[in-house]
Structure formats: C-alpha cells, structure tokens
Amino acid sequence: MLLDLWSNACETNQSSVTRDNQAGHSTSYALHAPTSLAYPKRAELRMRKLLEEAGYTFTLGSLADRPAPQPVRFR
C-alpha cells in the first residue's frame, strides 16, 4: 500500500520503500525516488496529501545525512 501511494505521488514505478526497525522504537519507512524525478517537491506534496486522505498519522524528516539503505520492493 505504501509503495503504491509513493509510486502514485512520484508518477513513476521507479520508486521504492525501505523499512527500518530499531529495537524498542517505532518503525520508520524511507521513500526513495529516482534522481531523474522532474518535480520532487510535487511528489512530496502529493504524498502528504495521499497519506492524509488515507487517514495515516506520520512525520516527515530528511535522510540527507544518513546512509541510504538498500531498497526493498513490497509487491
């Protein structure tokens, strides 16, 4: 479901989602898009809207300073 929402927001099926579980903490999901994505900000705004419409509670943060995990496809 999350990958479907993110692919819709990015308007491409070249996106992916990774999950990070830390013992004793909540689960985090990272959304990855291709570097060739024409309008990343539009994808981010679309994703926020799609999550809100679906009733999800979430926070957004930057992964710029973290090493990128290997993408996992959830299909």
PDB file of N, CA and C in Angstrom:
ATOM      1  N   MET A   1       0.815  -1.197   0.000  1.00  0.00           N
ATOM      2  CA  MET A   1       0.000   0.000   0.000  1.00  0.00           C
ATOM      3  C   MET A   1       0.863   1.268   0.000  1.00  0.00           C
ATOM      4  N   LEU A   2       1.891   1.312   0.851  1.00  0.00           N
ATOM      5  CA  LEU A   2       2.743   2.498   0.924  1.00  0.00           C
ATOM      6  C   LEU A   2       3.498   2.705  -0.384  1.00  0.00           C
ATOM      7  N   LEU A   3       4.023   1.626  -0.951  1.00  0.00           N
ATOM      8  CA  LEU A   3       4.729   1.754  -2.224  1.00  0.00           C
ATOM      9  C   LEU A   3       3.782   2.231  -3.318  1.00  0.00           C
ATOM     10  N   ASP A   4       2.554   1.748  -3.315  1.00  0.00           N
ATOM     11  CA  ASP A   4       1.575   2.199  -4.303  1.00  0.00           C
ATOM     12  C   ASP A   4       1.303   3.697  -4.171  1.00  0.00           C
ATOM     13  N   LEU A   5       1.136   4.178  -2.942  1.00  0.00           N
ATOM     14  CA  LEU A   5       0.920   5.607  -2.719  1.00  0.00           C
ATOM     15  C   LEU A   5       2.119   6.423  -3.194  1.00  0.00           C
ATOM     16  N   TRP A   6       3.326   5.956  -2.852  1.00  0.00           N
ATOM     17  CA  TRP A   6       4.536   6.686  -3.222  1.00  0.00           C
ATOM     18  C   TRP A   6       4.739   6.679  -4.736  1.00  0.00           C
ATOM     19  N   SER A   7       4.506   5.552  -5.383  1.00  0.00           N
ATOM     20  CA  SER A   7       4.621   5.485  -6.847  1.00  0.00           C
ATOM     21  C   SER A   7       3.633   6.437  -7.505  1.00  0.00           C
ATOM     22  N   ASN A   8       2.427   6.504  -6.958  1.00  0.00           N
ATOM     23  CA  ASN A   8       1.418   7.431  -7.459  1.00  0.00           C
ATOM     24  C   ASN A   8       1.884   8.871  -7.282  1.00  0.00           C
ATOM     25  N   ALA A   9       2.414   9.190  -6.118  1.00  0.00           N
ATOM     26  CA  ALA A   9       2.870  10.554  -5.843  1.00  0.00           C
ATOM     27  C   ALA A   9       4.032  10.946  -6.752  1.00  0.00           C
ATOM     28  N   CYS A  10       4.929  10.005  -7.031  1.00  0.00           N
ATOM     29  CA  CYS A  10       6.099  10.271  -7.888  1.00  0.00           C
ATOM     30  C   CYS A  10       5.746  10.223  -9.372  1.00  0.00           C
ATOM     31  N   GLU A  11       4.604   9.646  -9.663  1.00  0.00           N
ATOM     32  CA  GLU A  11       4.173   9.455 -11.048  1.00  0.00           C
ATOM     33  C   GLU A  11       5.174   8.597 -11.826  1.00  0.00           C
ATOM     34  N   THR A  12       5.726   7.593 -11.138  1.00  0.00           N
ATOM     35  CA  THR A  12       6.641   6.640 -11.762  1.00  0.00           C
ATOM     36  C   THR A  12       6.636   5.348 -10.952  1.00  0.00           C
ATOM     37  N   ASN A  13       6.916   4.246 -11.619  1.00  0.00           N
ATOM     38  CA  ASN A  13       7.042   2.975 -10.893  1.00  0.00           C
ATOM     39  C   ASN A  13       8.511   2.673 -10.593  1.00  0.00           C
ATOM     40  N   GLN A  14       9.377   3.658 -10.744  1.00  0.00           N
ATOM     41  CA  GLN A  14      10.799   3.512 -10.446  1.00  0.00           C
ATOM     42  C   GLN A  14      11.127   3.964  -9.024  1.00  0.00           C
ATOM     43  N   SER A  15      10.149   3.961  -8.150  1.00  0.00           N
ATOM     44  CA  SER A  15      10.354   4.355  -6.758  1.00  0.00           C
ATOM     45  C   SER A  15      10.411   3.096  -5.892  1.00  0.00           C
ATOM     46  N   SER A  16      10.860   3.268  -4.657  1.00  0.00           N
ATOM     47  CA  SER A  16      10.925   2.140  -3.729  1.00  0.00           C
ATOM     48  C   SER A  16      10.729   2.635  -2.304  1.00  0.00           C
ATOM     49  N   VAL A  17      10.510   1.685  -1.402  1.00  0.00           N
ATOM     50  CA  VAL A  17      10.293   1.970   0.019  1.00  0.00           C
ATOM     51  C   VAL A  17      11.172   1.035   0.825  1.00  0.00           C
ATOM     52  N   THR A  18      11.819   1.564   1.865  1.00  0.00           N
ATOM     53  CA  THR A  18      12.575   0.716   2.784  1.00  0.00           C
ATOM     54  C   THR A  18      12.002   0.880   4.188  1.00  0.00           C
ATOM     55  N   ARG A  19      12.200  -0.161   4.994  1.00  0.00           N
ATOM     56  CA  ARG A  19      11.686  -0.168   6.369  1.00  0.00           C
ATOM     57  C   ARG A  19      12.860  -0.338   7.316  1.00  0.00           C
ATOM     58  N   ASP A  20      12.884   0.437   8.400  1.00  0.00           N
ATOM     59  CA  ASP A  20      13.939   0.358   9.404  1.00  0.00           C
ATOM     60  C   ASP A  20      13.305   0.092  10.757  1.00  0.00           C
ATOM     61  N   ASN A  21      13.606  -1.058  11.349  1.00  0.00           N
ATOM     62  CA  ASN A  21      13.108  -1.416  12.683  1.00  0.00           C
ATOM     63  C   ASN A  21      14.251  -1.317  13.674  1.00  0.00           C
ATOM     64  N   GLN A  22      14.087  -0.491  14.695  1.00  0.00           N
ATOM     65  CA  GLN A  22      15.082  -0.382  15.755  1.00  0.00           C
ATOM     66  C   GLN A  22      14.459  -0.936  17.023  1.00  0.00           C
ATOM     67  N   ALA A  23      15.183  -1.796  17.692  1.00  0.00           N
ATOM     68  CA  ALA A  23      14.673  -2.445  18.905  1.00  0.00           C
ATOM     69  C   ALA A  23      14.141  -1.412  19.893  1.00  0.00           C
ATOM     70  N   GLY A  24      12.915  -1.596  20.333  1.00  0.00           N
ATOM     71  CA  GLY A  24      12.323  -0.715  21.316  1.00  0.00           C
ATOM     72  C   GLY A  24      11.809   0.601  20.778  1.00  0.00           C
ATOM     73  N   HIS A  25      11.913   0.810  19.471  1.00  0.00           N
ATOM     74  CA  HIS A  25      11.462   2.052  18.866  1.00  0.00           C
ATOM     75  C   HIS A  25      10.425   1.756  17.790  1.00  0.00           C
ATOM     76  N   SER A  26       9.804   2.785  17.301  1.00  0.00           N
ATOM     77  CA  SER A  26       8.830   2.610  16.235  1.00  0.00           C
ATOM     78  C   SER A  26       9.529   2.297  14.913  1.00  0.00           C
ATOM     79  N   THR A  27       8.759   1.845  13.966  1.00  0.00           N
ATOM     80  CA  THR A  27       9.268   1.524  12.641  1.00  0.00           C
ATOM     81  C   THR A  27       9.284   2.775  11.784  1.00  0.00           C
ATOM     82  N   SER A  28      10.354   2.936  11.009  1.00  0.00           N
ATOM     83  CA  SER A  28      10.475   4.056  10.081  1.00  0.00           C
ATOM     84  C   SER A  28      10.488   3.524   8.660  1.00  0.00           C
ATOM     85  N   TYR A  29       9.897   4.279   7.772  1.00  0.00           N
ATOM     86  CA  TYR A  29       9.896   3.941   6.356  1.00  0.00           C
ATOM     87  C   TYR A  29      10.557   5.069   5.584  1.00  0.00           C
ATOM     88  N   ALA A  30      11.432   4.719   4.659  1.00  0.00           N
ATOM     89  CA  ALA A  30      12.084   5.705   3.797  1.00  0.00           C
ATOM     90  C   ALA A  30      11.530   5.530   2.384  1.00  0.00           C
ATOM     91  N   LEU A  31      11.207   6.651   1.757  1.00  0.00           N
ATOM     92  CA  LEU A  31      10.661   6.645   0.408  1.00  0.00           C
ATOM     93  C   LEU A  31      11.750   7.109  -0.546  1.00  0.00           C
ATOM     94  N   HIS A  32      12.020   6.310  -1.557  1.00  0.00           N
ATOM     95  CA  HIS A  32      13.095   6.598  -2.497  1.00  0.00           C
ATOM     96  C   HIS A  32      12.511   6.842  -3.882  1.00  0.00           C
ATOM     97  N   ALA A  33      13.037   7.854  -4.544  1.00  0.00           N
ATOM     98  CA  ALA A  33      12.619   8.183  -5.916  1.00  0.00           C
ATOM     99  C   ALA A  33      13.866   8.266  -6.779  1.00  0.00           C
ATOM    100  N   PRO A  34      13.722   8.083  -8.078  1.00  0.00           N
ATOM    101  CA  PRO A  34      14.892   8.183  -8.950  1.00  0.00           C
ATOM    102  C   PRO A  34      15.441   9.607  -8.961  1.00  0.00           C
ATOM    103  N   THR A  35      16.734   9.740  -9.160  1.00  0.00           N
ATOM    104  CA  THR A  35      17.349  11.070  -9.206  1.00  0.00           C
ATOM    105  C   THR A  35      16.855  11.876 -10.400  1.00  0.00           C
ATOM    106  N   SER A  36      16.289  11.197 -11.376  1.00  0.00           N
ATOM    107  CA  SER A  36      15.764  11.878 -12.559  1.00  0.00           C
ATOM    108  C   SER A  36      14.344  12.408 -12.359  1.00  0.00           C
ATOM    109  N   LEU A  37      13.801  12.286 -11.149  1.00  0.00           N
ATOM    110  CA  LEU A  37      12.447  12.765 -10.883  1.00  0.00           C
ATOM    111  C   LEU A  37      12.372  14.259 -11.177  1.00  0.00           C
ATOM    112  N   ALA A  38      11.485  14.632 -12.088  1.00  0.00           N
ATOM    113  CA  ALA A  38      11.427  16.018 -12.567  1.00  0.00           C
ATOM    114  C   ALA A  38      11.012  17.016 -11.481  1.00  0.00           C
ATOM    115  N   TYR A  39      10.036  16.656 -10.662  1.00  0.00           N
ATOM    116  CA  TYR A  39       9.493  17.591  -9.666  1.00  0.00           C
ATOM    117  C   TYR A  39       9.405  16.921  -8.292  1.00  0.00           C
ATOM    118  N   PRO A  40      10.521  16.793  -7.585  1.00  0.00           N
ATOM    119  CA  PRO A  40      10.491  16.119  -6.283  1.00  0.00           C
ATOM    120  C   PRO A  40       9.556  16.781  -5.275  1.00  0.00           C
ATOM    121  N   LYS A  41       9.533  18.098  -5.253  1.00  0.00           N
ATOM    122  CA  LYS A  41       8.660  18.799  -4.297  1.00  0.00           C
ATOM    123  C   LYS A  41       7.197  18.456  -4.555  1.00  0.00           C
ATOM    124  N   ARG A  42       6.804  18.366  -5.839  1.00  0.00           N
ATOM    125  CA  ARG A  42       5.427  17.998  -6.175  1.00  0.00           C
ATOM    126  C   ARG A  42       5.121  16.587  -5.665  1.00  0.00           C
ATOM    127  N   ALA A  43       6.071  15.678  -5.808  1.00  0.00           N
ATOM    128  CA  ALA A  43       5.875  14.312  -5.312  1.00  0.00           C
ATOM    129  C   ALA A  43       5.697  14.307  -3.798  1.00  0.00           C
ATOM    130  N   GLU A  44       6.498  15.096  -3.095  1.00  0.00           N
ATOM    131  CA  GLU A  44       6.392  15.174  -1.636  1.00  0.00           C
ATOM    132  C   GLU A  44       5.034  15.727  -1.209  1.00  0.00           C
ATOM    133  N   LEU A  45       4.580  16.768  -1.879  1.00  0.00           N
ATOM    134  CA  LEU A  45       3.279  17.357  -1.539  1.00  0.00           C
ATOM    135  C   LEU A  45       2.142  16.393  -1.865  1.00  0.00           C
ATOM    136  N   ARG A  46       2.246  15.710  -2.999  1.00  0.00           N
ATOM    137  CA  ARG A  46       1.225  14.721  -3.366  1.00  0.00           C
ATOM    138  C   ARG A  46       1.195  13.585  -2.347  1.00  0.00           C
ATOM    139  N   MET A  47       2.361  13.141  -1.895  1.00  0.00           N
ATOM    140  CA  MET A  47       2.429  12.052  -0.922  1.00  0.00           C
ATOM    141  C   MET A  47       1.790  12.472   0.398  1.00  0.00           C
ATOM    142  N   ARG A  48       2.111  13.665   0.843  1.00  0.00           N
ATOM    143  CA  ARG A  48       1.497  14.166   2.078  1.00  0.00           C
ATOM    144  C   ARG A  48      -0.028  14.149   1.961  1.00  0.00           C
ATOM    145  N   LYS A  49      -0.537  14.648   0.829  1.00  0.00           N
ATOM    146  CA  LYS A  49      -1.984  14.687   0.622  1.00  0.00           C
ATOM    147  C   LYS A  49      -2.581  13.279   0.592  1.00  0.00           C
ATOM    148  N   LEU A  50      -1.939  12.355  -0.111  1.00  0.00           N
ATOM    149  CA  LEU A  50      -2.435  10.982  -0.190  1.00  0.00           C
ATOM    150  C   LEU A  50      -2.449  10.310   1.179  1.00  0.00           C
ATOM    151  N   LEU A  51      -1.400  10.517   1.977  1.00  0.00           N
ATOM    152  CA  LEU A  51      -1.354   9.936   3.325  1.00  0.00           C
ATOM    153  C   LEU A  51      -2.445  10.525   4.216  1.00  0.00           C
ATOM    154  N   GLU A  52      -2.619  11.841   4.153  1.00  0.00           N
ATOM    155  CA  GLU A  52      -3.652  12.486   4.958  1.00  0.00           C
ATOM    156  C   GLU A  52      -5.040  11.988   4.558  1.00  0.00           C
ATOM    157  N   GLU A  53      -5.295  11.877   3.255  1.00  0.00           N
ATOM    158  CA  GLU A  53      -6.595  11.392   2.774  1.00  0.00           C
ATOM    159  C   GLU A  53      -6.851   9.946   3.189  1.00  0.00           C
ATOM    160  N   ALA A  54      -5.783   9.149   3.298  1.00  0.00           N
ATOM    161  CA  ALA A  54      -5.912   7.750   3.699  1.00  0.00           C
ATOM    162  C   ALA A  54      -6.014   7.591   5.219  1.00  0.00           C
ATOM    163  N   GLY A  55      -5.879   8.703   5.965  1.00  0.00           N
ATOM    164  CA  GLY A  55      -6.031   8.666   7.415  1.00  0.00           C
ATOM    165  C   GLY A  55      -4.785   8.276   8.186  1.00  0.00           C
ATOM    166  N   TYR A  56      -3.613   8.333   7.554  1.00  0.00           N
ATOM    167  CA  TYR A  56      -2.374   7.976   8.234  1.00  0.00           C
ATOM    168  C   TYR A  56      -1.896   9.113   9.130  1.00  0.00           C
ATOM    169  N   THR A  57      -1.254   8.741  10.245  1.00  0.00           N
ATOM    170  CA  THR A  57      -0.552   9.674  11.110  1.00  0.00           C
ATOM    171  C   THR A  57       0.925   9.494  10.815  1.00  0.00           C
ATOM    172  N   PHE A  58       1.631  10.578  10.562  1.00  0.00           N
ATOM    173  CA  PHE A  58       3.013  10.450  10.135  1.00  0.00           C
ATOM    174  C   PHE A  58       3.815  11.693  10.460  1.00  0.00           C
ATOM    175  N   THR A  59       5.129  11.549  10.404  1.00  0.00           N
ATOM    176  CA  THR A  59       6.053  12.671  10.456  1.00  0.00           C
ATOM    177  C   THR A  59       6.991  12.528   9.264  1.00  0.00           C
ATOM    178  N   LEU A  60       7.479  13.647   8.782  1.00  0.00           N
ATOM    179  CA  LEU A  60       8.411  13.633   7.667  1.00  0.00           C
ATOM    180  C   LEU A  60       9.753  14.167   8.134  1.00  0.00           C
ATOM    181  N   GLY A  61      10.812  13.555   7.665  1.00  0.00           N
ATOM    182  CA  GLY A  61      12.143  14.009   8.013  1.00  0.00           C
ATOM    183  C   GLY A  61      13.098  13.747   6.873  1.00  0.00           C
ATOM    184  N   SER A  62      14.225  14.399   6.907  1.00  0.00           N
ATOM    185  CA  SER A  62      15.227  14.254   5.858  1.00  0.00           C
ATOM    186  C   SER A  62      16.178  13.112   6.176  1.00  0.00           C
ATOM    187  N   LEU A  63      16.554  12.385   5.155  1.00  0.00           N
ATOM    188  CA  LEU A  63      17.548  11.323   5.287  1.00  0.00           C
ATOM    189  C   LEU A  63      18.879  11.757   4.698  1.00  0.00           C
ATOM    190  N   ALA A  64      19.033  13.043   4.441  1.00  0.00           N
ATOM    191  CA  ALA A  64      20.207  13.551   3.736  1.00  0.00           C
ATOM    192  C   ALA A  64      21.522  13.188   4.422  1.00  0.00           C
ATOM    193  N   ASP A  65      21.544  13.111   5.732  1.00  0.00           N
ATOM    194  CA  ASP A  65      22.784  12.828   6.448  1.00  0.00           C
ATOM    195  C   ASP A  65      22.942  11.364   6.825  1.00  0.00           C
ATOM    196  N   ARG A  66      22.001  10.522   6.408  1.00  0.00           N
ATOM    197  CA  ARG A  66      22.070   9.102   6.744  1.00  0.00           C
ATOM    198  C   ARG A  66      22.479   8.297   5.517  1.00  0.00           C
ATOM    199  N   PRO A  67      23.166   7.186   5.738  1.00  0.00           N
ATOM    200  CA  PRO A  67      23.468   6.331   4.589  1.00  0.00           C
ATOM    201  C   PRO A  67      22.183   5.717   4.053  1.00  0.00           C
ATOM    202  N   ALA A  68      22.082   5.632   2.751  1.00  0.00           N
ATOM    203  CA  ALA A  68      20.872   5.091   2.125  1.00  0.00           C
ATOM    204  C   ALA A  68      20.815   3.579   2.288  1.00  0.00           C
ATOM    205  N   PRO A  69      19.706   3.050   2.838  1.00  0.00           N
ATOM    206  CA  PRO A  69      19.561   1.592   2.929  1.00  0.00           C
ATOM    207  C   PRO A  69      19.248   1.014   1.551  1.00  0.00           C
ATOM    208  N   GLN A  70      19.402  -0.272   1.427  1.00  0.00           N
ATOM    209  CA  GLN A  70      19.087  -0.921   0.166  1.00  0.00           C
ATOM    210  C   GLN A  70      17.565  -0.949  -0.003  1.00  0.00           C
ATOM    211  N   PRO A  71      17.061  -0.533  -1.158  1.00  0.00           N
ATOM    212  CA  PRO A  71      15.618  -0.531  -1.401  1.00  0.00           C
ATOM    213  C   PRO A  71      15.029  -1.942  -1.356  1.00  0.00           C
ATOM    214  N   VAL A  72      13.823  -2.039  -0.824  1.00  0.00           N
ATOM    215  CA  VAL A  72      13.079  -3.291  -0.776  1.00  0.00           C
ATOM    216  C   VAL A  72      11.763  -3.060  -1.481  1.00  0.00           C
ATOM    217  N   ARG A  73      11.426  -3.912  -2.406  1.00  0.00           N
ATOM    218  CA  ARG A  73      10.157  -3.793  -3.121  1.00  0.00           C
ATOM    219  C   ARG A  73       9.086  -4.567  -2.372  1.00  0.00           C
ATOM    220  N   PHE A  74       7.973  -3.922  -2.046  1.00  0.00           N
ATOM    221  CA  PHE A  74       6.837  -4.547  -1.388  1.00  0.00           C
ATOM    222  C   PHE A  74       5.737  -4.716  -2.410  1.00  0.00           C
ATOM    223  N   ARG A  75       5.731  -5.780  -3.128  1.00  0.00           N
ATOM    224  CA  ARG A  75       4.680  -6.054  -4.123  1.00  0.00           C
ATOM    225  C   ARG A  75       4.254  -7.465  -4.021  1.00  0.00           C
TER     226      ARG A  75
END
